[in-house]
Amino acid sequence: MINVKFIMKASMEIMISVLLMATTGHAIAELYIEDGHVRELIPGATSTAAYMTMRNTGSEPLLLKTVTSPAANRITLHNTMNHNGILHMMGMDTLIIPAAGAVILQEGAIHMMLEAPVQALRAGDAVELMLHFDNGTTQTVSLPVRSVLEP
């Protein structure tokens, strides 16, 4: 005889687990994306930036090779460097997320540049980013657009 209460309880536990994962960050395999957002595109600007914490809970480092998005014609990785008191943005070919570690993408440091957005990005919008890794995996994340006035 089928135990309907058991099946209903198990189904509810699975749905709650999925909902908790969806609301606490995006995850694939051993990579979690936390506190991500895209900066609102200010009028006249031709690029904006994406910030997040990329947490690798696995035992092997992850190598991010490229990032793509339907929201921008090109996405590049940059690091802000201080050379004798002058800040310079330096392009990065790849980004290593260390095993059991994290990389914080933030203003004035490592970040993603969304170049030539296909439309204005306004606070409240969402931007889909596809993170492509050297092992052939891709993780898609949706980040909210925040106002330039919001921290």
N, C-alpha and C. Protein backbone atom coordinates (compact mmCIF):
# COMPACT_ATOMS: atom_id res chain seq x y z
N MET A 1 0.84 -1.17 0.00
CA MET A 1 0.00 0.00 0.00
C MET A 1 0.89 1.25 0.00
N ILE A 2 0.51 2.24 -0.76
CA ILE A 2 1.29 3.47 -0.89
C ILE A 2 1.03 4.37 0.30
N ASN A 3 2.09 4.86 0.90
CA ASN A 3 1.99 5.77 2.03
C ASN A 3 1.98 7.19 1.48
N VAL A 4 0.81 7.76 1.30
CA VAL A 4 0.65 9.09 0.69
C VAL A 4 1.29 10.16 1.56
N LYS A 5 1.17 10.06 2.87
CA LYS A 5 1.77 11.06 3.76
C LYS A 5 3.28 11.08 3.60
N PHE A 6 3.92 9.91 3.52
CA PHE A 6 5.37 9.84 3.34
C PHE A 6 5.79 10.49 2.03
N ILE A 7 5.09 10.18 0.96
CA ILE A 7 5.41 10.74 -0.36
C ILE A 7 5.23 12.26 -0.35
N MET A 8 4.16 12.75 0.25
CA MET A 8 3.92 14.20 0.32
C MET A 8 5.01 14.88 1.14
N LYS A 9 5.40 14.27 2.27
CA LYS A 9 6.45 14.86 3.12
C LYS A 9 7.79 14.88 2.38
N ALA A 10 8.15 13.78 1.72
CA ALA A 10 9.41 13.73 0.98
C ALA A 10 9.41 14.75 -0.16
N SER A 11 8.29 14.87 -0.86
CA SER A 11 8.19 15.85 -1.95
C SER A 11 8.35 17.27 -1.42
N MET A 12 7.76 17.57 -0.28
CA MET A 12 7.86 18.89 0.32
C MET A 12 9.30 19.19 0.74
N GLU A 13 10.00 18.19 1.31
CA GLU A 13 11.39 18.40 1.72
C GLU A 13 12.28 18.68 0.51
N ILE A 14 12.05 17.99 -0.58
CA ILE A 14 12.83 18.24 -1.80
C ILE A 14 12.56 19.64 -2.31
N MET A 15 11.29 20.06 -2.36
CA MET A 15 10.96 21.41 -2.84
C MET A 15 11.58 22.48 -1.96
N ILE A 16 11.56 22.29 -0.65
CA ILE A 16 12.15 23.26 0.27
C ILE A 16 13.67 23.34 0.04
N SER A 17 14.33 22.20 -0.16
CA SER A 17 15.77 22.20 -0.42
C SER A 17 16.10 22.98 -1.69
N VAL A 18 15.32 22.76 -2.73
CA VAL A 18 15.54 23.47 -3.99
C VAL A 18 15.31 24.96 -3.80
N LEU A 19 14.26 25.34 -3.10
CA LEU A 19 13.98 26.76 -2.86
C LEU A 19 15.08 27.41 -2.03
N LEU A 20 15.57 26.71 -1.01
CA LEU A 20 16.65 27.27 -0.20
C LEU A 20 17.90 27.49 -1.04
N MET A 21 18.24 26.55 -1.90
CA MET A 21 19.42 26.72 -2.74
C MET A 21 19.21 27.89 -3.69
N ALA A 22 18.01 28.07 -4.22
CA ALA A 22 17.75 29.15 -5.16
C ALA A 22 17.81 30.52 -4.48
N THR A 23 17.48 30.59 -3.20
CA THR A 23 17.45 31.89 -2.54
C THR A 23 18.75 32.22 -1.82
N THR A 24 19.64 31.26 -1.67
CA THR A 24 20.87 31.54 -0.93
C THR A 24 22.07 31.77 -1.84
N GLY A 25 21.90 31.63 -3.10
CA GLY A 25 22.99 31.83 -4.04
C GLY A 25 22.87 30.85 -5.18
N HIS A 26 23.60 31.08 -6.23
CA HIS A 26 23.58 30.19 -7.38
C HIS A 26 24.69 29.18 -7.20
N ALA A 27 24.41 27.93 -7.51
CA ALA A 27 25.43 26.91 -7.33
C ALA A 27 25.44 25.92 -8.47
N ILE A 28 26.63 25.51 -8.86
CA ILE A 28 26.81 24.40 -9.77
C ILE A 28 28.05 23.67 -9.30
N ALA A 29 27.93 22.36 -9.20
CA ALA A 29 29.03 21.54 -8.71
C ALA A 29 29.55 22.13 -7.40
N GLU A 30 30.73 22.73 -7.42
CA GLU A 30 31.35 23.20 -6.19
C GLU A 30 31.53 24.70 -6.15
N LEU A 31 30.87 25.43 -7.06
CA LEU A 31 31.02 26.89 -7.12
C LEU A 31 29.72 27.55 -6.69
N TYR A 32 29.85 28.50 -5.77
CA TYR A 32 28.70 29.26 -5.31
C TYR A 32 28.95 30.73 -5.61
N ILE A 33 27.93 31.40 -6.12
CA ILE A 33 28.00 32.83 -6.40
C ILE A 33 27.16 33.53 -5.33
N GLU A 34 27.80 34.45 -4.61
CA GLU A 34 27.13 35.13 -3.50
C GLU A 34 27.22 36.65 -3.68
N ASP A 35 26.23 37.34 -3.18
CA ASP A 35 26.24 38.81 -3.11
C ASP A 35 26.56 39.46 -4.46
N GLY A 36 26.05 38.90 -5.53
CA GLY A 36 26.34 39.43 -6.85
C GLY A 36 25.40 40.54 -7.27
N HIS A 37 25.95 41.47 -8.06
CA HIS A 37 25.12 42.51 -8.66
C HIS A 37 25.87 43.15 -9.83
N VAL A 38 25.12 43.81 -10.68
CA VAL A 38 25.67 44.59 -11.78
C VAL A 38 25.37 46.05 -11.47
N ARG A 39 26.35 46.90 -11.69
CA ARG A 39 26.16 48.33 -11.46
C ARG A 39 25.30 48.91 -12.58
N GLU A 40 24.37 49.75 -12.21
CA GLU A 40 23.48 50.40 -13.17
C GLU A 40 24.31 51.18 -14.21
N LEU A 41 23.87 51.12 -15.44
CA LEU A 41 24.54 51.84 -16.52
C LEU A 41 24.12 53.31 -16.44
N ILE A 42 25.10 54.19 -16.25
CA ILE A 42 24.78 55.62 -16.17
C ILE A 42 24.64 56.17 -17.58
N PRO A 43 23.82 57.20 -17.77
CA PRO A 43 23.61 57.75 -19.10
C PRO A 43 24.94 58.15 -19.77
N GLY A 44 25.08 57.75 -21.01
CA GLY A 44 26.28 58.07 -21.77
C GLY A 44 27.41 57.08 -21.62
N ALA A 45 27.34 56.19 -20.63
CA ALA A 45 28.41 55.21 -20.41
C ALA A 45 28.32 54.08 -21.43
N THR A 46 29.46 53.53 -21.78
CA THR A 46 29.50 52.41 -22.73
C THR A 46 29.89 51.10 -22.07
N SER A 47 30.05 51.12 -20.74
CA SER A 47 30.35 49.88 -20.02
C SER A 47 29.91 50.04 -18.57
N THR A 48 29.79 48.90 -17.92
CA THR A 48 29.49 48.86 -16.50
C THR A 48 30.19 47.65 -15.90
N ALA A 49 29.99 47.38 -14.64
CA ALA A 49 30.73 46.31 -13.98
C ALA A 49 29.82 45.36 -13.22
N ALA A 50 30.30 44.13 -13.05
CA ALA A 50 29.62 43.13 -12.23
C ALA A 50 30.54 42.74 -11.08
N TYR A 51 29.93 42.58 -9.92
CA TYR A 51 30.66 42.24 -8.70
C TYR A 51 29.99 41.04 -8.03
N MET A 52 30.77 40.25 -7.33
CA MET A 52 30.23 39.08 -6.64
C MET A 52 31.34 38.41 -5.84
N THR A 53 30.95 37.45 -5.02
CA THR A 53 31.91 36.56 -4.39
C THR A 53 31.74 35.20 -5.05
N MET A 54 32.84 34.64 -5.53
CA MET A 54 32.84 33.32 -6.16
C MET A 54 33.51 32.37 -5.18
N ARG A 55 32.71 31.45 -4.61
CA ARG A 55 33.22 30.55 -3.57
C ARG A 55 33.31 29.13 -4.13
N ASN A 56 34.50 28.55 -4.07
CA ASN A 56 34.75 27.19 -4.54
C ASN A 56 34.88 26.29 -3.31
N THR A 57 33.91 25.40 -3.13
CA THR A 57 33.95 24.49 -1.98
C THR A 57 34.60 23.16 -2.34
N GLY A 58 35.06 23.04 -3.58
CA GLY A 58 35.67 21.79 -4.03
C GLY A 58 37.13 21.66 -3.63
N SER A 59 37.70 20.53 -3.97
CA SER A 59 39.10 20.24 -3.62
C SER A 59 40.06 20.58 -4.76
N GLU A 60 39.54 21.07 -5.88
CA GLU A 60 40.37 21.46 -7.02
C GLU A 60 40.09 22.92 -7.36
N PRO A 61 41.09 23.67 -7.81
CA PRO A 61 40.83 25.05 -8.24
C PRO A 61 39.98 25.05 -9.50
N LEU A 62 39.23 26.12 -9.70
CA LEU A 62 38.43 26.32 -10.91
C LEU A 62 39.04 27.46 -11.71
N LEU A 63 39.07 27.30 -13.03
CA LEU A 63 39.66 28.31 -13.90
C LEU A 63 38.56 28.90 -14.78
N LEU A 64 38.17 30.14 -14.50
CA LEU A 64 37.18 30.85 -15.31
C LEU A 64 37.88 31.40 -16.54
N LYS A 65 37.42 30.97 -17.72
CA LYS A 65 38.06 31.39 -18.96
C LYS A 65 37.37 32.58 -19.60
N THR A 66 36.04 32.51 -19.71
CA THR A 66 35.29 33.60 -20.35
C THR A 66 33.95 33.77 -19.67
N VAL A 67 33.37 34.94 -19.91
CA VAL A 67 32.02 35.25 -19.44
C VAL A 67 31.26 35.83 -20.62
N THR A 68 30.04 35.37 -20.83
CA THR A 68 29.19 35.90 -21.90
C THR A 68 27.84 36.27 -21.32
N SER A 69 27.10 37.09 -22.08
CA SER A 69 25.78 37.52 -21.64
C SER A 69 25.00 38.07 -22.82
N PRO A 70 23.71 37.82 -22.86
CA PRO A 70 22.88 38.47 -23.88
C PRO A 70 22.74 39.97 -23.62
N ALA A 71 23.15 40.44 -22.46
CA ALA A 71 23.00 41.85 -22.10
C ALA A 71 24.15 42.73 -22.57
N ALA A 72 25.27 42.11 -22.98
CA ALA A 72 26.45 42.90 -23.38
C ALA A 72 27.15 42.24 -24.56
N ASN A 73 27.73 43.05 -25.42
CA ASN A 73 28.45 42.51 -26.57
C ASN A 73 29.75 41.82 -26.16
N ARG A 74 30.31 42.23 -25.04
CA ARG A 74 31.58 41.64 -24.60
C ARG A 74 31.69 41.79 -23.09
N ILE A 75 32.26 40.78 -22.45
CA ILE A 75 32.54 40.85 -21.01
C ILE A 75 33.99 40.46 -20.81
N THR A 76 34.71 41.30 -20.09
CA THR A 76 36.12 41.06 -19.84
C THR A 76 36.38 41.09 -18.34
N LEU A 77 37.44 40.40 -17.94
CA LEU A 77 37.87 40.41 -16.54
C LEU A 77 38.96 41.45 -16.38
N HIS A 78 38.90 42.21 -15.29
CA HIS A 78 39.90 43.23 -15.02
C HIS A 78 40.31 43.20 -13.56
N ASN A 79 41.50 43.72 -13.31
CA ASN A 79 41.97 43.95 -11.95
C ASN A 79 42.49 45.39 -11.89
N THR A 80 42.12 46.10 -10.86
CA THR A 80 42.60 47.46 -10.68
C THR A 80 43.92 47.40 -9.92
N MET A 81 44.95 48.00 -10.50
CA MET A 81 46.29 47.98 -9.92
C MET A 81 46.73 49.40 -9.60
N ASN A 82 47.52 49.55 -8.54
CA ASN A 82 48.07 50.84 -8.17
C ASN A 82 49.55 50.86 -8.54
N HIS A 83 49.89 51.73 -9.50
CA HIS A 83 51.29 51.90 -9.92
C HIS A 83 51.74 53.31 -9.56
N ASN A 84 52.53 53.40 -8.50
CA ASN A 84 53.05 54.69 -8.05
C ASN A 84 51.94 55.71 -7.81
N GLY A 85 50.87 55.25 -7.17
CA GLY A 85 49.78 56.15 -6.83
C GLY A 85 48.76 56.38 -7.93
N ILE A 86 48.95 55.77 -9.09
CA ILE A 86 48.01 55.91 -10.20
C ILE A 86 47.31 54.57 -10.41
N LEU A 87 45.97 54.59 -10.43
CA LEU A 87 45.20 53.37 -10.60
C LEU A 87 45.07 53.05 -12.09
N HIS A 88 45.29 51.80 -12.43
CA HIS A 88 45.16 51.30 -13.80
C HIS A 88 44.32 50.03 -13.78
N MET A 89 43.44 49.88 -14.76
CA MET A 89 42.73 48.63 -14.94
C MET A 89 43.54 47.75 -15.88
N MET A 90 43.84 46.55 -15.43
CA MET A 90 44.61 45.60 -16.23
C MET A 90 43.70 44.44 -16.60
N GLY A 91 43.66 44.09 -17.89
CA GLY A 91 42.88 42.96 -18.33
C GLY A 91 43.44 41.65 -17.81
N MET A 92 42.57 40.69 -17.60
CA MET A 92 42.95 39.36 -17.11
C MET A 92 42.44 38.33 -18.12
N ASP A 93 43.29 37.39 -18.49
CA ASP A 93 42.86 36.35 -19.43
C ASP A 93 41.98 35.31 -18.76
N THR A 94 42.28 34.98 -17.52
CA THR A 94 41.54 33.96 -16.77
C THR A 94 41.47 34.39 -15.30
N LEU A 95 40.64 33.68 -14.57
CA LEU A 95 40.52 33.93 -13.13
C LEU A 95 40.50 32.58 -12.43
N ILE A 96 41.41 32.39 -11.49
CA ILE A 96 41.46 31.13 -10.73
C ILE A 96 40.70 31.32 -9.42
N ILE A 97 39.74 30.42 -9.19
CA ILE A 97 39.04 30.38 -7.91
C ILE A 97 39.67 29.21 -7.15
N PRO A 98 40.45 29.48 -6.10
CA PRO A 98 41.21 28.41 -5.44
C PRO A 98 40.31 27.36 -4.78
N ALA A 99 40.83 26.15 -4.69
CA ALA A 99 40.13 25.08 -3.98
C ALA A 99 39.86 25.52 -2.55
N ALA A 100 38.66 25.23 -2.09
CA ALA A 100 38.25 25.59 -0.72
C ALA A 100 38.51 27.06 -0.42
N GLY A 101 38.33 27.91 -1.43
CA GLY A 101 38.59 29.34 -1.26
C GLY A 101 37.58 30.18 -2.01
N ALA A 102 37.83 31.47 -2.04
CA ALA A 102 36.91 32.40 -2.68
C ALA A 102 37.68 33.53 -3.33
N VAL A 103 37.08 34.12 -4.33
CA VAL A 103 37.58 35.32 -4.96
C VAL A 103 36.47 36.35 -4.88
N ILE A 104 36.80 37.53 -4.40
CA ILE A 104 35.81 38.60 -4.27
C ILE A 104 36.02 39.57 -5.43
N LEU A 105 34.99 39.73 -6.23
CA LEU A 105 35.00 40.71 -7.31
C LEU A 105 34.34 41.96 -6.75
N GLN A 106 35.10 43.06 -6.69
CA GLN A 106 34.58 44.28 -6.07
C GLN A 106 35.18 45.51 -6.73
N GLU A 107 34.55 46.63 -6.48
CA GLU A 107 35.04 47.90 -7.03
C GLU A 107 36.46 48.16 -6.53
N GLY A 108 37.34 48.61 -7.44
CA GLY A 108 38.71 48.90 -7.08
C GLY A 108 39.61 47.69 -7.01
N ALA A 109 39.12 46.54 -7.46
CA ALA A 109 39.90 45.30 -7.43
C ALA A 109 39.50 44.48 -8.65
N ILE A 110 39.43 43.16 -8.49
CA ILE A 110 39.00 42.30 -9.59
C ILE A 110 37.51 42.52 -9.84
N HIS A 111 37.12 42.59 -11.11
CA HIS A 111 35.72 42.77 -11.48
C HIS A 111 35.51 42.35 -12.92
N MET A 112 34.25 42.24 -13.32
CA MET A 112 33.89 41.95 -14.71
C MET A 112 33.40 43.24 -15.34
N MET A 113 33.88 43.54 -16.54
CA MET A 113 33.40 44.72 -17.28
C MET A 113 32.42 44.24 -18.35
N LEU A 114 31.20 44.76 -18.30
CA LEU A 114 30.20 44.50 -19.34
C LEU A 114 30.32 45.64 -20.33
N GLU A 115 30.88 45.33 -21.49
CA GLU A 115 31.18 46.35 -22.49
C GLU A 115 30.12 46.36 -23.59
N ALA A 116 29.76 47.55 -24.03
CA ALA A 116 28.75 47.76 -25.08
C ALA A 116 27.45 47.01 -24.77
N PRO A 117 26.80 47.36 -23.65
CA PRO A 117 25.52 46.72 -23.33
C PRO A 117 24.53 46.90 -24.48
N VAL A 118 23.69 45.90 -24.70
CA VAL A 118 22.74 45.96 -25.82
C VAL A 118 21.53 46.84 -25.50
N GLN A 119 21.36 47.18 -24.23
CA GLN A 119 20.29 48.09 -23.82
C GLN A 119 20.68 48.73 -22.49
N ALA A 120 19.97 49.76 -22.11
CA ALA A 120 20.24 50.42 -20.83
C ALA A 120 19.95 49.43 -19.70
N LEU A 121 20.85 49.37 -18.74
CA LEU A 121 20.67 48.51 -17.58
C LEU A 121 20.27 49.39 -16.41
N ARG A 122 19.05 49.22 -15.94
CA ARG A 122 18.49 50.06 -14.88
C ARG A 122 18.31 49.27 -13.59
N ALA A 123 18.38 49.97 -12.50
CA ALA A 123 18.16 49.35 -11.18
C ALA A 123 16.85 48.58 -11.21
N GLY A 124 16.89 47.36 -10.70
CA GLY A 124 15.72 46.50 -10.69
C GLY A 124 15.72 45.47 -11.82
N ASP A 125 16.50 45.72 -12.88
CA ASP A 125 16.64 44.74 -13.96
C ASP A 125 17.46 43.55 -13.44
N ALA A 126 17.49 42.51 -14.25
CA ALA A 126 18.35 41.36 -13.96
C ALA A 126 19.22 41.10 -15.19
N VAL A 127 20.46 40.71 -14.96
CA VAL A 127 21.40 40.41 -16.04
C VAL A 127 21.84 38.96 -15.89
N GLU A 128 21.72 38.22 -16.99
CA GLU A 128 22.16 36.83 -17.01
C GLU A 128 23.61 36.78 -17.49
N LEU A 129 24.45 36.10 -16.71
CA LEU A 129 25.85 35.89 -17.07
C LEU A 129 26.11 34.40 -17.19
N MET A 130 26.83 34.01 -18.23
CA MET A 130 27.25 32.63 -18.39
C MET A 130 28.75 32.56 -18.13
N LEU A 131 29.12 31.82 -17.09
CA LEU A 131 30.51 31.67 -16.68
C LEU A 131 31.04 30.39 -17.31
N HIS A 132 32.07 30.50 -18.16
CA HIS A 132 32.62 29.36 -18.89
C HIS A 132 33.98 28.98 -18.29
N PHE A 133 34.10 27.72 -17.88
CA PHE A 133 35.30 27.24 -17.21
C PHE A 133 36.13 26.33 -18.12
N ASP A 134 37.41 26.20 -17.80
CA ASP A 134 38.32 25.42 -18.64
C ASP A 134 37.98 23.93 -18.66
N ASN A 135 37.21 23.44 -17.70
CA ASN A 135 36.84 22.03 -17.68
C ASN A 135 35.60 21.75 -18.54
N GLY A 136 35.13 22.78 -19.26
CA GLY A 136 34.00 22.60 -20.17
C GLY A 136 32.65 22.90 -19.56
N THR A 137 32.60 23.18 -18.26
CA THR A 137 31.32 23.48 -17.63
C THR A 137 30.98 24.96 -17.78
N THR A 138 29.70 25.23 -17.72
CA THR A 138 29.19 26.60 -17.77
C THR A 138 28.19 26.76 -16.64
N GLN A 139 28.29 27.86 -15.93
CA GLN A 139 27.32 28.19 -14.90
C GLN A 139 26.63 29.48 -15.29
N THR A 140 25.31 29.46 -15.31
CA THR A 140 24.53 30.66 -15.61
C THR A 140 24.02 31.25 -14.31
N VAL A 141 24.23 32.54 -14.13
CA VAL A 141 23.73 33.23 -12.95
C VAL A 141 22.94 34.46 -13.40
N SER A 142 21.98 34.83 -12.61
CA SER A 142 21.19 36.03 -12.86
C SER A 142 21.46 36.99 -11.73
N LEU A 143 22.01 38.16 -12.09
CA LEU A 143 22.37 39.15 -11.07
C LEU A 143 21.46 40.36 -11.16
N PRO A 144 21.05 40.91 -10.03
CA PRO A 144 20.24 42.13 -10.06
C PRO A 144 21.10 43.34 -10.43
N VAL A 145 20.49 44.31 -11.07
CA VAL A 145 21.15 45.58 -11.36
C VAL A 145 20.85 46.50 -10.20
N ARG A 146 21.91 47.10 -9.65
CA ARG A 146 21.77 48.03 -8.53
C ARG A 146 22.07 49.44 -8.99
N SER A 147 21.40 50.37 -8.36
CA SER A 147 21.64 51.79 -8.62
C SER A 147 23.09 52.15 -8.29
N VAL A 148 23.63 53.09 -9.01
CA VAL A 148 25.00 53.56 -8.71
C VAL A 148 25.03 54.25 -7.35
N LEU A 149 23.90 54.64 -6.83
CA LEU A 149 23.82 55.28 -5.52
C LEU A 149 23.75 54.29 -4.37
N GLU A 150 23.49 53.01 -4.71
CA GLU A 150 23.37 51.97 -3.68
C GLU A 150 24.75 51.33 -3.44
N PRO A 151 25.12 51.13 -2.17
CA PRO A 151 26.43 50.51 -1.89
C PRO A 151 26.49 49.07 -2.34
